[in-house]
Amino acid sequence: MKTCPRFTRIRADFERDIRYLGNHASRHAGTVPAKVSARTALGTKQRMARALTRHYERCVECG
């Protein structure tokens, strides 16, 4: 699948946020903030999927 630089940038930004939230959750395992971070990471993954799908559908270079 050939993608444009914007697709790569969108994915990298989301993955950075997901990694940050996941690391926070693992460092503070068992606490309420860790659980919130883990839940937020899952939501961010879903938002990333929607954003990338929307981009892929509309981008002339990707789609």
N, C-alpha and C. Protein backbone atom coordinates (compact mmCIF):
# COMPACT_ATOMS: atom_id res chain seq x y z
N MET A 1 0.85 -1.17 0.00
CA MET A 1 0.00 0.00 0.00
C MET A 1 0.90 1.24 0.00
N LYS A 2 0.77 2.04 -1.01
CA LYS A 2 1.55 3.27 -1.11
C LYS A 2 0.78 4.39 -0.43
N THR A 3 1.46 5.12 0.45
CA THR A 3 0.81 6.20 1.16
C THR A 3 1.62 7.48 1.01
N CYS A 4 0.96 8.59 1.25
CA CYS A 4 1.60 9.89 1.13
C CYS A 4 2.27 10.28 2.46
N PRO A 5 3.09 11.31 2.43
CA PRO A 5 3.75 11.77 3.66
C PRO A 5 2.76 12.21 4.74
N ARG A 6 1.63 12.75 4.35
CA ARG A 6 0.65 13.19 5.35
C ARG A 6 0.08 12.00 6.11
N PHE A 7 -0.18 10.89 5.41
CA PHE A 7 -0.67 9.67 6.05
C PHE A 7 0.35 9.19 7.07
N THR A 8 1.61 9.19 6.69
CA THR A 8 2.69 8.76 7.59
C THR A 8 2.77 9.67 8.81
N ARG A 9 2.63 10.96 8.59
CA ARG A 9 2.69 11.92 9.70
C ARG A 9 1.52 11.74 10.66
N ILE A 10 0.32 11.54 10.12
CA ILE A 10 -0.86 11.32 10.96
C ILE A 10 -0.66 10.07 11.81
N ARG A 11 -0.23 8.98 11.17
CA ARG A 11 -0.03 7.73 11.89
C ARG A 11 1.05 7.86 12.96
N ALA A 12 2.15 8.53 12.63
CA ALA A 12 3.25 8.71 13.60
C ALA A 12 2.79 9.51 14.81
N ASP A 13 2.01 10.56 14.58
CA ASP A 13 1.52 11.38 15.70
C ASP A 13 0.62 10.57 16.63
N PHE A 14 -0.29 9.80 16.04
CA PHE A 14 -1.18 8.98 16.87
C PHE A 14 -0.39 7.91 17.61
N GLU A 15 0.55 7.26 16.93
CA GLU A 15 1.33 6.21 17.57
C GLU A 15 2.18 6.76 18.72
N ARG A 16 2.68 7.98 18.57
CA ARG A 16 3.44 8.60 19.65
C ARG A 16 2.55 8.80 20.88
N ASP A 17 1.33 9.28 20.66
CA ASP A 17 0.39 9.49 21.77
C ASP A 17 0.03 8.16 22.43
N ILE A 18 -0.22 7.13 21.63
CA ILE A 18 -0.58 5.82 22.16
C ILE A 18 0.58 5.25 22.98
N ARG A 19 1.79 5.39 22.47
CA ARG A 19 2.97 4.90 23.18
C ARG A 19 3.14 5.63 24.52
N TYR A 20 2.95 6.93 24.51
CA TYR A 20 3.06 7.73 25.75
C TYR A 20 2.04 7.25 26.78
N LEU A 21 0.79 7.09 26.36
CA LEU A 21 -0.26 6.66 27.28
C LEU A 21 -0.01 5.24 27.79
N GLY A 22 0.44 4.36 26.91
CA GLY A 22 0.74 2.99 27.31
C GLY A 22 1.89 2.92 28.29
N ASN A 23 2.93 3.71 28.06
CA ASN A 23 4.06 3.74 28.98
C ASN A 23 3.63 4.27 30.35
N HIS A 24 2.80 5.28 30.35
CA HIS A 24 2.31 5.83 31.62
C HIS A 24 1.52 4.77 32.37
N ALA A 25 0.67 4.04 31.65
CA ALA A 25 -0.14 3.01 32.29
C ALA A 25 0.73 1.89 32.86
N SER A 26 1.79 1.52 32.16
CA SER A 26 2.63 0.44 32.67
C SER A 26 3.50 0.90 33.84
N ARG A 27 3.93 2.15 33.85
CA ARG A 27 4.74 2.65 34.95
C ARG A 27 3.94 2.75 36.24
N HIS A 28 2.67 3.09 36.12
CA HIS A 28 1.83 3.32 37.30
C HIS A 28 0.73 2.27 37.40
N ALA A 29 1.07 1.03 37.10
CA ALA A 29 0.08 -0.05 37.06
C ALA A 29 -0.71 -0.14 38.36
N GLY A 30 -1.99 -0.36 38.20
CA GLY A 30 -2.87 -0.55 39.35
C GLY A 30 -3.49 0.72 39.90
N THR A 31 -3.04 1.87 39.45
CA THR A 31 -3.60 3.11 39.96
C THR A 31 -4.72 3.59 39.03
N VAL A 32 -5.52 4.48 39.54
CA VAL A 32 -6.63 5.02 38.74
C VAL A 32 -6.10 5.77 37.52
N PRO A 33 -5.07 6.63 37.65
CA PRO A 33 -4.56 7.31 36.46
C PRO A 33 -4.04 6.35 35.38
N ALA A 34 -3.47 5.23 35.81
CA ALA A 34 -2.99 4.24 34.85
C ALA A 34 -4.16 3.62 34.08
N LYS A 35 -5.22 3.33 34.79
CA LYS A 35 -6.40 2.75 34.14
C LYS A 35 -7.00 3.74 33.15
N VAL A 36 -7.02 5.00 33.53
CA VAL A 36 -7.55 6.03 32.63
C VAL A 36 -6.66 6.15 31.39
N SER A 37 -5.34 6.11 31.59
CA SER A 37 -4.42 6.19 30.45
C SER A 37 -4.59 5.00 29.52
N ALA A 38 -4.77 3.81 30.07
CA ALA A 38 -4.96 2.62 29.25
C ALA A 38 -6.26 2.73 28.45
N ARG A 39 -7.31 3.21 29.09
CA ARG A 39 -8.59 3.38 28.41
C ARG A 39 -8.47 4.45 27.31
N THR A 40 -7.76 5.52 27.61
CA THR A 40 -7.57 6.59 26.63
C THR A 40 -6.75 6.09 25.45
N ALA A 41 -5.77 5.23 25.71
CA ALA A 41 -4.96 4.66 24.63
C ALA A 41 -5.83 3.84 23.68
N LEU A 42 -6.76 3.08 24.23
CA LEU A 42 -7.66 2.31 23.37
C LEU A 42 -8.52 3.22 22.51
N GLY A 43 -9.04 4.27 23.11
CA GLY A 43 -9.84 5.24 22.35
C GLY A 43 -9.02 5.93 21.28
N THR A 44 -7.76 6.20 21.60
CA THR A 44 -6.88 6.85 20.63
C THR A 44 -6.60 5.93 19.45
N LYS A 45 -6.48 4.64 19.72
CA LYS A 45 -6.29 3.67 18.62
C LYS A 45 -7.48 3.69 17.68
N GLN A 46 -8.67 3.75 18.26
CA GLN A 46 -9.88 3.79 17.44
C GLN A 46 -9.95 5.08 16.63
N ARG A 47 -9.60 6.20 17.26
CA ARG A 47 -9.60 7.48 16.54
C ARG A 47 -8.56 7.48 15.43
N MET A 48 -7.41 6.84 15.67
CA MET A 48 -6.38 6.75 14.64
C MET A 48 -6.91 5.96 13.45
N ALA A 49 -7.57 4.85 13.71
CA ALA A 49 -8.12 4.03 12.63
C ALA A 49 -9.12 4.83 11.80
N ARG A 50 -10.00 5.57 12.48
CA ARG A 50 -10.98 6.38 11.75
C ARG A 50 -10.30 7.48 10.94
N ALA A 51 -9.32 8.14 11.54
CA ALA A 51 -8.64 9.24 10.85
C ALA A 51 -7.87 8.73 9.63
N LEU A 52 -7.19 7.60 9.78
CA LEU A 52 -6.43 7.07 8.65
C LEU A 52 -7.35 6.55 7.54
N THR A 53 -8.45 5.94 7.93
CA THR A 53 -9.42 5.47 6.92
C THR A 53 -10.01 6.65 6.17
N ARG A 54 -10.38 7.68 6.91
CA ARG A 54 -10.95 8.88 6.28
C ARG A 54 -9.93 9.53 5.35
N HIS A 55 -8.68 9.60 5.80
CA HIS A 55 -7.65 10.19 4.95
C HIS A 55 -7.45 9.35 3.69
N TYR A 56 -7.36 8.04 3.85
CA TYR A 56 -7.11 7.14 2.72
C TYR A 56 -8.24 7.23 1.68
N GLU A 57 -9.47 7.37 2.16
CA GLU A 57 -10.60 7.47 1.24
C GLU A 57 -10.58 8.76 0.44
N ARG A 58 -10.09 9.85 1.04
CA ARG A 58 -10.19 11.15 0.40
C ARG A 58 -8.91 11.61 -0.30
N CYS A 59 -7.80 11.00 0.02
CA CYS A 59 -6.51 11.45 -0.53
C CYS A 59 -6.32 10.94 -1.95
N VAL A 60 -5.94 11.83 -2.82
CA VAL A 60 -5.72 11.47 -4.22
C VAL A 60 -4.46 10.61 -4.36
N GLU A 61 -3.45 10.91 -3.58
CA GLU A 61 -2.18 10.19 -3.68
C GLU A 61 -2.26 8.79 -3.06
N CYS A 62 -2.97 8.67 -1.95
CA CYS A 62 -3.07 7.36 -1.26
C CYS A 62 -4.09 6.44 -1.93
N GLY A 63 -5.25 6.97 -2.20
CA GLY A 63 -6.35 6.15 -2.67
C GLY A 63 -6.45 6.12 -4.11
